[in-house]
């Protein structure tokens, strides 16, 4: 926006000053957007370059892990540490690649009609979360049109986050509801047994690389899990929110539209 400066009075001088400031602001915004784009390209390029050597490293560490029982104690501990850190790095690289696809608007939905209750059970089984730490309420008879892989990522990230930062038992509930103006929705709720989320943390809970406690910077998470969850839910046309329960614990609620064809 520019103001036409006429004459040489105070108003004209004010208009020229405004126009100069607006020009500087536009250039600053342009430079910031370019810097952000370069940073995103860099993250994407580095992630792709690391993927191949990491695959080789994972294969080697798998072999070393199998032989760790036959090594002396200190060597076995070192082998397991290298293996654990390599897995963390692989997760970070995959998460960076995924977030890069969202930034490039290259993420696509490959939907299918699924039984969400069974999809959640499968997600928990695949990660060996079938012990007493997880309580489920997954009624039968609900059908939804979802991207199975992305729905699995949403469940895994929310439950994993609840176990790491909230505490067991974690309750996963599935239901269908009708919202005014949006129609029928699939509702997934994940509740942990922790102290809840700090009031200063809650507004940033889905931000990339955000960690509430600086001491947790070496935790198993990449800092991208909840951001990827938010992107996957948004891609489905749904919403995800976090809140604290009055009696303690954090509640994450995912609502995804129940497509008309999914109810047939």
C-alpha atoms as a PDB file:
ATOM      1  CA  UNK A   1       0.000   0.000   0.000  1.00  0.00           C
ATOM      2  CA  UNK A   2       1.250   3.438  -0.921  1.00  0.00           C
ATOM      3  CA  UNK A   3      -0.027   6.959  -0.239  1.00  0.00           C
ATOM      4  CA  UNK A   4       0.232   9.533  -2.973  1.00  0.00           C
ATOM      5  CA  UNK A   5       2.431  12.399  -1.747  1.00  0.00           C
ATOM      6  CA  UNK A   6       1.394  15.790  -3.094  1.00  0.00           C
ATOM      7  CA  UNK A   7       3.056  19.101  -2.398  1.00  0.00           C
ATOM      8  CA  UNK A   8       5.671  19.836   0.228  1.00  0.00           C
ATOM      9  CA  UNK A   9       3.690  20.209   3.440  1.00  0.00           C
ATOM     10  CA  UNK A  10       3.722  18.090   6.571  1.00  0.00           C
ATOM     11  CA  UNK A  11       1.134  15.659   5.214  1.00  0.00           C
ATOM     12  CA  UNK A  12       3.164  15.138   2.038  1.00  0.00           C
ATOM     13  CA  UNK A  13       6.294  14.522   4.113  1.00  0.00           C
ATOM     14  CA  UNK A  14       4.379  12.084   6.307  1.00  0.00           C
ATOM     15  CA  UNK A  15       3.137  10.254   3.203  1.00  0.00           C
ATOM     16  CA  UNK A  16       6.697   9.953   1.835  1.00  0.00           C
ATOM     17  CA  UNK A  17       7.937   8.629   5.176  1.00  0.00           C
ATOM     18  CA  UNK A  18       5.108   6.109   5.238  1.00  0.00           C
ATOM     19  CA  UNK A  19       5.907   4.970   1.685  1.00  0.00           C
ATOM     20  CA  UNK A  20       9.595   4.519   2.523  1.00  0.00           C
ATOM     21  CA  UNK A  21       8.761   2.509   5.635  1.00  0.00           C
ATOM     22  CA  UNK A  22       6.294   0.375   3.696  1.00  0.00           C
ATOM     23  CA  UNK A  23       8.940  -0.308   1.037  1.00  0.00           C
ATOM     24  CA  UNK A  24      11.499  -1.345   3.646  1.00  0.00           C
ATOM     25  CA  UNK A  25       8.942  -3.613   5.324  1.00  0.00           C
ATOM     26  CA  UNK A  26       8.064  -5.273   2.015  1.00  0.00           C
ATOM     27  CA  UNK A  27      11.753  -5.924   1.301  1.00  0.00           C
ATOM     28  CA  UNK A  28      12.230  -7.359   4.799  1.00  0.00           C
ATOM     29  CA  UNK A  29       9.251  -9.685   4.411  1.00  0.00           C
ATOM     30  CA  UNK A  30      10.523 -10.758   0.980  1.00  0.00           C
ATOM     31  CA  UNK A  31      13.996 -11.485   2.397  1.00  0.00           C
ATOM     32  CA  UNK A  32      12.518 -13.454   5.298  1.00  0.00           C
ATOM     33  CA  UNK A  33      10.378 -15.541   2.956  1.00  0.00           C
ATOM     34  CA  UNK A  34      13.385 -16.278   0.764  1.00  0.00           C
ATOM     35  CA  UNK A  35      15.440 -17.268   3.821  1.00  0.00           C
ATOM     36  CA  UNK A  36      12.627 -19.538   5.017  1.00  0.00           C
ATOM     37  CA  UNK A  37      12.374 -21.147   1.574  1.00  0.00           C
ATOM     38  CA  UNK A  38      16.149 -21.731   1.502  1.00  0.00           C
ATOM     39  CA  UNK A  39      16.028 -23.284   4.983  1.00  0.00           C
ATOM     40  CA  UNK A  40      13.227 -25.622   3.930  1.00  0.00           C
ATOM     41  CA  UNK A  41      15.080 -26.647   0.766  1.00  0.00           C
ATOM     42  CA  UNK A  42      18.218 -27.257   2.809  1.00  0.00           C
ATOM     43  CA  UNK A  43      16.360 -29.485   5.280  1.00  0.00           C
ATOM     44  CA  UNK A  44      14.759 -31.395   2.424  1.00  0.00           C
ATOM     45  CA  UNK A  45      18.053 -31.849   0.537  1.00  0.00           C
ATOM     46  CA  UNK A  46      19.976 -32.931   3.635  1.00  0.00           C
ATOM     47  CA  UNK A  47      17.258 -35.411   4.577  1.00  0.00           C
ATOM     48  CA  UNK A  48      17.354 -37.023   1.136  1.00  0.00           C
ATOM     49  CA  UNK A  49      21.162 -37.188   1.165  1.00  0.00           C
ATOM     50  CA  UNK A  50      21.202 -38.823   4.609  1.00  0.00           C
ATOM     51  CA  UNK A  51      18.558 -41.418   3.835  1.00  0.00           C
ATOM     52  CA  UNK A  52      20.768 -43.812   1.844  1.00  0.00           C
ATOM     53  CA  UNK A  53      23.785 -43.922   4.195  1.00  0.00           C
ATOM     54  CA  UNK A  54      21.412 -44.228   7.158  1.00  0.00           C
ATOM     55  CA  UNK A  55      19.847 -47.324   5.621  1.00  0.00           C
ATOM     56  CA  UNK A  56      23.302 -48.910   5.518  1.00  0.00           C
ATOM     57  CA  UNK A  57      24.037 -47.839   9.091  1.00  0.00           C
ATOM     58  CA  UNK A  58      20.767 -49.353  10.299  1.00  0.00           C
ATOM     59  CA  UNK A  59      21.580 -52.639   8.596  1.00  0.00           C
ATOM     60  CA  UNK A  60      25.015 -52.737  10.249  1.00  0.00           C
ATOM     61  CA  UNK A  61      23.693 -51.858  13.697  1.00  0.00           C
ATOM     62  CA  UNK A  62      21.036 -54.583  13.374  1.00  0.00           C
ATOM     63  CA  UNK A  63      23.803 -57.135  12.805  1.00  0.00           C
ATOM     64  CA  UNK A  64      25.839 -55.759  15.699  1.00  0.00           C
ATOM     65  CA  UNK A  65      22.798 -55.878  17.969  1.00  0.00           C
ATOM     66  CA  UNK A  66      22.328 -59.560  17.222  1.00  0.00           C
ATOM     67  CA  UNK A  67      25.905 -60.247  18.351  1.00  0.00           C
ATOM     68  CA  UNK A  68      25.843 -57.891  21.341  1.00  0.00           C
ATOM     69  CA  UNK A  69      25.078 -60.732  23.755  1.00  0.00           C
ATOM     70  CA  UNK A  70      28.415 -62.340  22.846  1.00  0.00           C
ATOM     71  CA  UNK A  71      30.463 -59.182  23.458  1.00  0.00           C
ATOM     72  CA  UNK A  72      31.949 -57.940  26.698  1.00  0.00           C
ATOM     73  CA  UNK A  73      29.735 -55.655  28.767  1.00  0.00           C
ATOM     74  CA  UNK A  74      31.295 -52.302  27.822  1.00  0.00           C
ATOM     75  CA  UNK A  75      31.411 -53.124  24.118  1.00  0.00           C
ATOM     76  CA  UNK A  76      27.826 -54.391  24.163  1.00  0.00           C
ATOM     77  CA  UNK A  77      26.692 -51.188  25.877  1.00  0.00           C
ATOM     78  CA  UNK A  78      28.465 -49.104  23.228  1.00  0.00           C
ATOM     79  CA  UNK A  79      26.933 -51.149  20.409  1.00  0.00           C
ATOM     80  CA  UNK A  80      23.424 -50.710  21.823  1.00  0.00           C
ATOM     81  CA  UNK A  81      23.994 -46.978  22.278  1.00  0.00           C
ATOM     82  CA  UNK A  82      25.139 -46.581  18.662  1.00  0.00           C
ATOM     83  CA  UNK A  83      22.139 -48.589  17.488  1.00  0.00           C
ATOM     84  CA  UNK A  84      19.708 -46.524  19.559  1.00  0.00           C
ATOM     85  CA  UNK A  85      21.128 -43.202  18.368  1.00  0.00           C
ATOM     86  CA  UNK A  86      21.102 -44.373  14.746  1.00  0.00           C
ATOM     87  CA  UNK A  87      17.416 -45.251  15.036  1.00  0.00           C
ATOM     88  CA  UNK A  88      16.704 -41.788  16.500  1.00  0.00           C
ATOM     89  CA  UNK A  89      18.561 -40.160  13.610  1.00  0.00           C
ATOM     90  CA  UNK A  90      16.618 -42.255  11.094  1.00  0.00           C
ATOM     91  CA  UNK A  91      13.327 -41.162  12.678  1.00  0.00           C
ATOM     92  CA  UNK A  92      14.401 -37.514  12.534  1.00  0.00           C
ATOM     93  CA  UNK A  93      15.368 -37.808   8.858  1.00  0.00           C
ATOM     94  CA  UNK A  94      12.056 -39.464   7.956  1.00  0.00           C
ATOM     95  CA  UNK A  95      10.143 -36.799   9.869  1.00  0.00           C
ATOM     96  CA  UNK A  96      12.088 -34.023   8.121  1.00  0.00           C
ATOM     97  CA  UNK A  97      11.307 -35.568   4.749  1.00  0.00           C
ATOM     98  CA  UNK A  98       7.644 -35.817   5.652  1.00  0.00           C
ATOM     99  CA  UNK A  99       7.421 -32.209   6.814  1.00  0.00           C
ATOM    100  CA  UNK A 100       9.250 -31.147   3.631  1.00  0.00           C
ATOM    101  CA  UNK A 101       6.545 -32.828   1.559  1.00  0.00           C
ATOM    102  CA  UNK A 102       3.901 -30.850   3.437  1.00  0.00           C
ATOM    103  CA  UNK A 103       5.833 -27.614   2.862  1.00  0.00           C
ATOM    104  CA  UNK A 104       6.119 -28.383  -0.849  1.00  0.00           C
ATOM    105  CA  UNK A 105       2.407 -29.253  -0.949  1.00  0.00           C
ATOM    106  CA  UNK A 106       3.407 -32.632  -2.316  1.00  0.00           C
ATOM    107  CA  UNK A 107       1.668 -34.669   0.389  1.00  0.00           C
ATOM    108  CA  UNK A 108      -1.236 -36.676  -0.992  1.00  0.00           C
ATOM    109  CA  UNK A 109      -4.121 -38.623   0.488  1.00  0.00           C
ATOM    110  CA  UNK A 110      -4.508 -42.227  -0.604  1.00  0.00           C
ATOM    111  CA  UNK A 111      -7.857 -42.957   0.966  1.00  0.00           C
ATOM    112  CA  UNK A 112      -9.677 -46.219   1.424  1.00  0.00           C
ATOM    113  CA  UNK A 113     -12.759 -47.277   3.320  1.00  0.00           C
ATOM    114  CA  UNK A 114     -11.464 -48.661   6.599  1.00  0.00           C
ATOM    115  CA  UNK A 115     -12.600 -49.859   9.988  1.00  0.00           C
ATOM    116  CA  UNK A 116     -10.976 -47.215  12.232  1.00  0.00           C
ATOM    117  CA  UNK A 117     -11.294 -49.374  15.351  1.00  0.00           C
ATOM    118  CA  UNK A 118      -9.277 -52.154  13.728  1.00  0.00           C
ATOM    119  CA  UNK A 119      -6.831 -49.599  12.312  1.00  0.00           C
ATOM    120  CA  UNK A 120      -6.170 -48.267  15.827  1.00  0.00           C
ATOM    121  CA  UNK A 121      -5.739 -51.789  17.241  1.00  0.00           C
ATOM    122  CA  UNK A 122      -3.275 -52.604  14.460  1.00  0.00           C
ATOM    123  CA  UNK A 123      -1.321 -49.421  15.121  1.00  0.00           C
ATOM    124  CA  UNK A 124      -1.010 -50.319  18.809  1.00  0.00           C
ATOM    125  CA  UNK A 125      -0.029 -53.927  18.050  1.00  0.00           C
ATOM    126  CA  UNK A 126       2.654 -52.892  15.573  1.00  0.00           C
ATOM    127  CA  UNK A 127       4.353 -50.834  18.297  1.00  0.00           C
ATOM    128  CA  UNK A 128       3.861 -53.453  21.026  1.00  0.00           C
ATOM    129  CA  UNK A 129       1.531 -51.165  22.977  1.00  0.00           C
ATOM    130  CA  UNK A 130      -0.746 -54.027  23.973  1.00  0.00           C
ATOM    131  CA  UNK A 131       0.057 -54.182  27.672  1.00  0.00           C
ATOM    132  CA  UNK A 132      -1.716 -52.533  30.590  1.00  0.00           C
ATOM    133  CA  UNK A 133      -0.381 -49.100  29.679  1.00  0.00           C
ATOM    134  CA  UNK A 134      -3.090 -48.643  27.038  1.00  0.00           C
ATOM    135  CA  UNK A 135      -6.847 -48.767  27.655  1.00  0.00           C
ATOM    136  CA  UNK A 136      -9.126 -48.679  24.618  1.00  0.00           C
ATOM    137  CA  UNK A 137     -12.781 -48.072  23.901  1.00  0.00           C
ATOM    138  CA  UNK A 138     -13.166 -48.933  20.219  1.00  0.00           C
ATOM    139  CA  UNK A 139     -16.762 -49.764  19.272  1.00  0.00           C
ATOM    140  CA  UNK A 140     -17.420 -51.807  16.160  1.00  0.00           C
ATOM    141  CA  UNK A 141     -19.556 -50.709  13.247  1.00  0.00           C
ATOM    142  CA  UNK A 142     -17.922 -47.384  12.399  1.00  0.00           C
ATOM    143  CA  UNK A 143     -16.622 -47.014   8.852  1.00  0.00           C
ATOM    144  CA  UNK A 144     -14.586 -44.089   7.555  1.00  0.00           C
ATOM    145  CA  UNK A 145     -12.772 -43.108   4.383  1.00  0.00           C
ATOM    146  CA  UNK A 146      -9.185 -42.377   5.454  1.00  0.00           C
ATOM    147  CA  UNK A 147      -5.605 -42.649   4.343  1.00  0.00           C
ATOM    148  CA  UNK A 148      -4.597 -45.747   6.375  1.00  0.00           C
ATOM    149  CA  UNK A 149      -0.893 -44.836   6.562  1.00  0.00           C
ATOM    150  CA  UNK A 150      -1.501 -41.271   7.657  1.00  0.00           C
ATOM    151  CA  UNK A 151      -4.157 -42.327  10.173  1.00  0.00           C
ATOM    152  CA  UNK A 152      -1.638 -44.805  11.613  1.00  0.00           C
ATOM    153  CA  UNK A 153       0.908 -41.980  11.970  1.00  0.00           C
ATOM    154  CA  UNK A 154      -1.652 -39.813  13.797  1.00  0.00           C
ATOM    155  CA  UNK A 155      -2.468 -42.578  16.287  1.00  0.00           C
ATOM    156  CA  UNK A 156       1.180 -43.546  16.813  1.00  0.00           C
ATOM    157  CA  UNK A 157       2.279 -39.947  17.402  1.00  0.00           C
ATOM    158  CA  UNK A 158      -0.519 -39.132  19.839  1.00  0.00           C
ATOM    159  CA  UNK A 159      -0.214 -42.331  21.865  1.00  0.00           C
ATOM    160  CA  UNK A 160       3.592 -42.214  21.818  1.00  0.00           C
ATOM    161  CA  UNK A 161       3.528 -38.606  22.999  1.00  0.00           C
ATOM    162  CA  UNK A 162       1.082 -39.489  25.776  1.00  0.00           C
ATOM    163  CA  UNK A 163       3.275 -42.356  26.997  1.00  0.00           C
ATOM    164  CA  UNK A 164       6.499 -40.312  26.902  1.00  0.00           C
ATOM    165  CA  UNK A 165       5.293 -37.028  28.353  1.00  0.00           C
ATOM    166  CA  UNK A 166       2.008 -37.814  30.073  1.00  0.00           C
ATOM    167  CA  UNK A 167       2.073 -41.198  31.696  1.00  0.00           C
ATOM    168  CA  UNK A 168       0.205 -44.479  31.737  1.00  0.00           C
ATOM    169  CA  UNK A 169      -2.461 -45.567  31.601  1.00  0.00           C
ATOM    170  CA  UNK A 170      -3.310 -43.901  28.282  1.00  0.00           C
ATOM    171  CA  UNK A 171      -6.915 -44.182  27.134  1.00  0.00           C
ATOM    172  CA  UNK A 172      -7.811 -44.231  23.429  1.00  0.00           C
ATOM    173  CA  UNK A 173     -11.486 -43.712  22.610  1.00  0.00           C
ATOM    174  CA  UNK A 174     -13.245 -43.878  19.247  1.00  0.00           C
ATOM    175  CA  UNK A 175     -16.715 -42.537  18.465  1.00  0.00           C
ATOM    176  CA  UNK A 176     -18.839 -40.891  15.801  1.00  0.00           C
ATOM    177  CA  UNK A 177     -20.585 -37.566  16.339  1.00  0.00           C
ATOM    178  CA  UNK A 178     -22.420 -34.848  14.471  1.00  0.00           C
ATOM    179  CA  UNK A 179     -21.166 -31.270  14.599  1.00  0.00           C
ATOM    180  CA  UNK A 180     -23.357 -28.306  13.588  1.00  0.00           C
ATOM    181  CA  UNK A 181     -22.240 -26.992  10.232  1.00  0.00           C
ATOM    182  CA  UNK A 182     -19.801 -29.832   9.536  1.00  0.00           C
ATOM    183  CA  UNK A 183     -21.967 -32.938   9.648  1.00  0.00           C
ATOM    184  CA  UNK A 184     -20.862 -36.362  10.903  1.00  0.00           C
ATOM    185  CA  UNK A 185     -17.297 -36.704  12.158  1.00  0.00           C
ATOM    186  CA  UNK A 186     -15.047 -39.471  13.377  1.00  0.00           C
ATOM    187  CA  UNK A 187     -13.720 -38.626  16.855  1.00  0.00           C
ATOM    188  CA  UNK A 188     -10.544 -40.086  18.354  1.00  0.00           C
ATOM    189  CA  UNK A 189      -9.587 -39.060  21.887  1.00  0.00           C
ATOM    190  CA  UNK A 190      -6.255 -39.833  23.564  1.00  0.00           C
ATOM    191  CA  UNK A 191      -6.055 -39.137  27.298  1.00  0.00           C
ATOM    192  CA  UNK A 192      -2.964 -39.599  29.466  1.00  0.00           C
ATOM    193  CA  UNK A 193      -2.560 -39.815  33.237  1.00  0.00           C
ATOM    194  CA  UNK A 194       0.059 -37.115  33.635  1.00  0.00           C
ATOM    195  CA  UNK A 195      -0.125 -33.674  35.240  1.00  0.00           C
ATOM    196  CA  UNK A 196      -1.368 -31.997  32.062  1.00  0.00           C
ATOM    197  CA  UNK A 197       0.206 -29.471  29.704  1.00  0.00           C
ATOM    198  CA  UNK A 198       1.561 -26.179  31.008  1.00  0.00           C
ATOM    199  CA  UNK A 199      -0.474 -23.089  30.173  1.00  0.00           C
ATOM    200  CA  UNK A 200       2.569 -21.559  28.445  1.00  0.00           C
ATOM    201  CA  UNK A 201       3.108 -24.728  26.404  1.00  0.00           C
ATOM    202  CA  UNK A 202      -0.444 -25.359  25.219  1.00  0.00           C
ATOM    203  CA  UNK A 203      -0.506 -22.665  22.470  1.00  0.00           C
ATOM    204  CA  UNK A 204       2.701 -24.119  20.972  1.00  0.00           C
ATOM    205  CA  UNK A 205       1.976 -27.822  21.348  1.00  0.00           C
ATOM    206  CA  UNK A 206       1.703 -28.401  17.565  1.00  0.00           C
ATOM    207  CA  UNK A 207       4.659 -26.158  16.640  1.00  0.00           C
ATOM    208  CA  UNK A 208       7.647 -27.729  14.923  1.00  0.00           C
ATOM    209  CA  UNK A 209      10.605 -28.649  17.136  1.00  0.00           C
ATOM    210  CA  UNK A 210       8.862 -27.231  20.179  1.00  0.00           C
ATOM    211  CA  UNK A 211       9.796 -28.913  23.437  1.00  0.00           C
ATOM    212  CA  UNK A 212       8.387 -27.646  26.693  1.00  0.00           C
ATOM    213  CA  UNK A 213      11.422 -28.569  28.770  1.00  0.00           C
ATOM    214  CA  UNK A 214      14.918 -27.645  27.611  1.00  0.00           C
ATOM    215  CA  UNK A 215      16.183 -30.663  29.520  1.00  0.00           C
ATOM    216  CA  UNK A 216      14.242 -32.883  27.104  1.00  0.00           C
ATOM    217  CA  UNK A 217      16.195 -31.845  24.015  1.00  0.00           C
ATOM    218  CA  UNK A 218      17.799 -35.288  23.949  1.00  0.00           C
ATOM    219  CA  UNK A 219      14.513 -37.161  24.276  1.00  0.00           C
ATOM    220  CA  UNK A 220      13.512 -39.870  21.819  1.00  0.00           C
ATOM    221  CA  UNK A 221      11.139 -37.603  19.907  1.00  0.00           C
ATOM    222  CA  UNK A 222      12.177 -35.541  16.905  1.00  0.00           C
ATOM    223  CA  UNK A 223      10.112 -32.539  17.958  1.00  0.00           C
ATOM    224  CA  UNK A 224       8.066 -32.971  14.775  1.00  0.00           C
ATOM    225  CA  UNK A 225       5.594 -35.675  15.781  1.00  0.00           C
ATOM    226  CA  UNK A 226       2.708 -33.435  16.811  1.00  0.00           C
ATOM    227  CA  UNK A 227       3.375 -31.031  13.922  1.00  0.00           C
ATOM    228  CA  UNK A 228       3.135 -33.971  11.499  1.00  0.00           C
ATOM    229  CA  UNK A 229      -0.035 -35.101  13.269  1.00  0.00           C
ATOM    230  CA  UNK A 230      -1.549 -31.645  12.762  1.00  0.00           C
ATOM    231  CA  UNK A 231      -0.606 -31.676   9.057  1.00  0.00           C
ATOM    232  CA  UNK A 232      -2.038 -35.168   8.497  1.00  0.00           C
ATOM    233  CA  UNK A 233      -5.309 -34.278  10.207  1.00  0.00           C
ATOM    234  CA  UNK A 234      -5.546 -31.030   8.221  1.00  0.00           C
ATOM    235  CA  UNK A 235      -4.927 -32.978   5.000  1.00  0.00           C
ATOM    236  CA  UNK A 236      -8.010 -35.065   5.825  1.00  0.00           C
ATOM    237  CA  UNK A 237     -10.024 -31.873   6.314  1.00  0.00           C
ATOM    238  CA  UNK A 238     -10.185 -32.436  10.059  1.00  0.00           C
ATOM    239  CA  UNK A 239      -9.078 -30.775  13.274  1.00  0.00           C
ATOM    240  CA  UNK A 240      -6.893 -31.720  16.226  1.00  0.00           C
ATOM    241  CA  UNK A 241      -6.746 -29.908  19.555  1.00  0.00           C
ATOM    242  CA  UNK A 242      -5.162 -30.324  22.960  1.00  0.00           C
ATOM    243  CA  UNK A 243      -6.531 -29.395  26.363  1.00  0.00           C
ATOM    244  CA  UNK A 244      -6.188 -30.241  30.032  1.00  0.00           C
ATOM    245  CA  UNK A 245      -8.817 -32.179  31.944  1.00  0.00           C
ATOM    246  CA  UNK A 246     -10.105 -30.748  35.238  1.00  0.00           C
ATOM    247  CA  UNK A 247      -8.983 -33.832  37.166  1.00  0.00           C
ATOM    248  CA  UNK A 248      -5.540 -33.947  35.573  1.00  0.00           C
ATOM    249  CA  UNK A 249      -4.147 -35.379  32.382  1.00  0.00           C
ATOM    250  CA  UNK A 250      -3.980 -34.079  28.832  1.00  0.00           C
ATOM    251  CA  UNK A 251      -6.655 -34.749  26.232  1.00  0.00           C
ATOM    252  CA  UNK A 252      -5.939 -34.744  22.495  1.00  0.00           C
ATOM    253  CA  UNK A 253      -9.029 -34.805  20.277  1.00  0.00           C
ATOM    254  CA  UNK A 254      -8.986 -35.582  16.555  1.00  0.00           C
ATOM    255  CA  UNK A 255     -12.082 -34.998  14.459  1.00  0.00           C
ATOM    256  CA  UNK A 256     -12.158 -36.197  10.853  1.00  0.00           C
ATOM    257  CA  UNK A 257     -15.104 -35.795   8.491  1.00  0.00           C
ATOM    258  CA  UNK A 258     -17.030 -38.992   7.884  1.00  0.00           C
ATOM    259  CA  UNK A 259     -17.342 -39.019   4.107  1.00  0.00           C
ATOM    260  CA  UNK A 260     -20.767 -39.837   2.726  1.00  0.00           C
ATOM    261  CA  UNK A 261     -19.428 -42.798   0.784  1.00  0.00           C
ATOM    262  CA  UNK A 262     -17.834 -44.206   3.929  1.00  0.00           C
ATOM    263  CA  UNK A 263     -21.226 -44.830   5.480  1.00  0.00           C
ATOM    264  CA  UNK A 264     -22.485 -47.039   2.687  1.00  0.00           C
END
